[in-house]
N, C-alpha and C. Protein backbone atom coordinates (compact mmCIF):
# COMPACT_ATOMS: atom_id res chain seq x y z
N MET A 1 95.59 212.81 166.13
CA MET A 1 95.09 212.09 167.41
C MET A 1 93.72 212.03 167.78
N ALA A 2 93.53 210.59 168.74
CA ALA A 2 91.90 210.70 168.91
C ALA A 2 91.66 211.39 170.41
N ASN A 3 90.89 212.09 170.23
CA ASN A 3 90.22 212.61 171.56
C ASN A 3 88.76 211.60 172.46
N LEU A 4 88.72 212.22 173.40
CA LEU A 4 87.36 211.81 174.49
C LEU A 4 86.93 212.77 174.92
N LYS A 5 85.28 212.40 174.83
CA LYS A 5 84.55 212.88 175.18
C LYS A 5 83.96 212.48 177.15
N ILE A 6 84.55 213.33 177.56
CA ILE A 6 84.38 212.92 179.06
C ILE A 6 83.12 213.72 179.73
N THR A 7 82.26 213.20 180.37
CA THR A 7 80.90 213.70 181.21
C THR A 7 81.20 213.31 182.45
N LEU A 8 80.69 214.63 183.55
CA LEU A 8 80.49 213.86 184.80
C LEU A 8 78.96 213.72 185.07
N VAL A 9 78.71 212.24 185.44
CA VAL A 9 77.39 212.01 185.55
C VAL A 9 76.97 211.79 187.04
N LYS A 10 77.93 211.75 187.91
CA LYS A 10 77.41 212.15 189.47
C LYS A 10 78.31 212.83 189.95
N SER A 11 77.85 213.61 191.26
CA SER A 11 78.03 214.48 191.76
C SER A 11 79.60 213.92 193.01
N THR A 12 80.25 214.86 192.93
CA THR A 12 81.84 214.48 193.86
C THR A 12 81.28 214.93 195.14
N ILE A 13 80.16 215.58 195.82
CA ILE A 13 79.82 215.40 196.91
C ILE A 13 80.10 214.40 197.72
N GLY A 14 80.63 214.04 198.75
CA GLY A 14 81.23 212.83 199.05
C GLY A 14 81.85 212.04 199.24
N ALA A 15 82.94 212.45 198.04
CA ALA A 15 83.52 211.77 197.30
C ALA A 15 85.31 211.93 197.66
N VAL A 16 85.76 210.91 197.34
CA VAL A 16 87.15 211.24 198.75
C VAL A 16 88.13 212.54 198.23
N PRO A 17 88.60 212.81 198.80
CA PRO A 17 88.91 214.74 198.51
C PRO A 17 90.34 214.35 197.16
N LYS A 18 90.90 213.08 196.94
CA LYS A 18 91.59 212.91 196.01
C LYS A 18 91.08 212.86 194.64
N HIS A 19 89.71 212.26 194.40
CA HIS A 19 89.07 211.97 193.19
C HIS A 19 88.39 213.42 192.99
N LYS A 20 87.97 214.09 194.02
CA LYS A 20 87.27 215.83 193.76
C LYS A 20 88.54 217.03 192.81
N LYS A 21 89.75 216.50 193.56
CA LYS A 21 90.65 216.89 192.33
C LYS A 21 90.92 216.52 190.68
N THR A 22 91.18 215.45 191.50
CA THR A 22 91.17 214.93 189.78
C THR A 22 90.03 215.04 188.62
N VAL A 23 88.83 215.03 189.01
CA VAL A 23 87.68 215.17 188.03
C VAL A 23 87.80 217.31 188.11
N GLU A 24 88.29 217.92 189.02
CA GLU A 24 88.58 219.23 188.38
C GLU A 24 89.82 219.34 187.91
N ALA A 25 90.78 218.81 188.06
CA ALA A 25 91.89 218.77 187.02
C ALA A 25 91.17 218.05 185.45
N LEU A 26 90.65 217.24 185.16
CA LEU A 26 89.92 216.73 184.39
C LEU A 26 89.25 218.01 183.56
N GLY A 27 88.59 219.26 184.15
CA GLY A 27 88.07 220.06 183.46
C GLY A 27 86.52 220.17 183.91
N LEU A 28 86.20 219.15 184.59
CA LEU A 28 85.10 219.27 184.93
C LEU A 28 84.46 219.71 186.01
N LYS A 29 83.59 220.70 186.23
CA LYS A 29 83.31 221.32 187.92
C LYS A 29 81.54 220.83 187.68
N LYS A 30 80.53 220.88 186.54
CA LYS A 30 79.24 220.57 187.51
C LYS A 30 79.01 219.61 186.45
N VAL A 31 77.72 218.84 187.31
CA VAL A 31 77.25 217.67 186.63
C VAL A 31 76.86 217.48 185.44
N ASN A 32 76.83 216.74 184.52
CA ASN A 32 76.07 216.63 182.73
C ASN A 32 76.81 217.45 182.33
N LYS A 33 78.30 218.23 182.68
CA LYS A 33 79.28 218.60 181.57
C LYS A 33 80.28 218.04 181.04
N THR A 34 80.37 218.45 179.81
CA THR A 34 81.29 217.82 179.10
C THR A 34 82.67 218.73 178.82
N VAL A 35 83.58 217.58 178.65
CA VAL A 35 85.00 217.89 177.84
C VAL A 35 85.63 217.54 177.07
N GLU A 36 86.15 217.77 176.17
CA GLU A 36 87.19 216.82 175.11
C GLU A 36 88.60 216.76 175.52
N LEU A 37 89.06 215.85 175.81
CA LEU A 37 90.73 215.98 176.06
C LEU A 37 91.32 215.22 175.03
N PRO A 38 92.72 215.12 175.07
CA PRO A 38 93.76 214.19 173.99
C PRO A 38 93.21 212.36 174.73
N ASP A 39 93.88 211.79 174.25
CA ASP A 39 93.30 210.23 174.55
C ASP A 39 95.29 210.10 174.77
N ASN A 40 95.55 210.23 176.29
CA ASN A 40 96.87 209.85 176.05
C ASN A 40 97.06 208.57 177.78
N ALA A 41 98.34 208.55 177.83
CA ALA A 41 98.00 207.48 179.26
C ALA A 41 97.96 208.50 180.71
N ALA A 42 97.83 209.76 180.07
CA ALA A 42 97.67 211.21 181.74
C ALA A 42 96.26 210.62 181.56
N THR A 43 95.67 211.13 180.45
CA THR A 43 94.03 211.09 180.34
C THR A 43 93.14 210.10 181.07
N ARG A 44 93.95 208.84 180.74
CA ARG A 44 93.18 207.33 180.62
C ARG A 44 93.50 207.34 182.34
N GLY A 45 94.21 207.23 182.89
CA GLY A 45 94.67 207.33 184.38
C GLY A 45 93.86 207.82 184.96
N MET A 46 93.69 209.15 184.64
CA MET A 46 93.15 209.85 185.46
C MET A 46 91.44 209.74 185.47
N ILE A 47 91.20 208.67 184.39
CA ILE A 47 89.80 208.25 184.00
C ILE A 47 89.62 207.26 184.82
N LYS A 48 91.09 206.33 184.91
CA LYS A 48 89.94 204.88 185.48
C LYS A 48 90.33 205.59 187.01
N GLN A 49 90.93 206.42 187.70
CA GLN A 49 90.64 207.15 189.34
C GLN A 49 89.03 207.19 189.37
N VAL A 50 88.55 207.72 188.54
CA VAL A 50 86.87 208.46 188.57
C VAL A 50 86.69 207.79 188.11
N GLN A 51 86.49 206.54 187.75
CA GLN A 51 85.43 206.16 186.36
C GLN A 51 84.07 205.42 186.99
N HIS A 52 83.90 205.91 188.56
CA HIS A 52 82.41 205.54 188.58
C HIS A 52 81.81 207.09 188.78
N LEU A 53 82.46 207.72 188.34
CA LEU A 53 81.83 209.28 188.49
C LEU A 53 81.69 209.98 187.02
N VAL A 54 82.60 209.67 186.30
CA VAL A 54 82.25 209.63 185.03
C VAL A 54 81.95 208.77 183.66
N LYS A 55 81.54 209.41 182.61
CA LYS A 55 80.94 208.57 181.04
C LYS A 55 81.96 208.90 180.12
N VAL A 56 82.59 208.11 179.61
CA VAL A 56 83.67 208.31 178.27
C VAL A 56 83.10 207.61 177.10
N GLU A 57 83.45 208.43 176.14
CA GLU A 57 83.03 208.37 175.00
C GLU A 57 84.01 208.55 173.80
N GLU A 58 84.37 207.75 172.45
CA GLU A 58 84.88 208.42 171.99
C GLU A 58 84.95 209.39 170.88
N ALA A 59 85.56 210.53 170.82
CA ALA A 59 85.28 211.65 169.98
C ALA A 59 85.60 211.61 168.73
């Protein structure tokens, strides 16, 4: 199964509270930190919600 490398590239300060919770649920706490998560529908949905804050790469 493929993985995705997700990097937080923009701060969540001033973001919608729901988006802050989504970023935290993805495992991202600080700017420029990266996590590797499985490529599934749930992860893709979370990424789509906060696509303006993160950068996604195939791993």
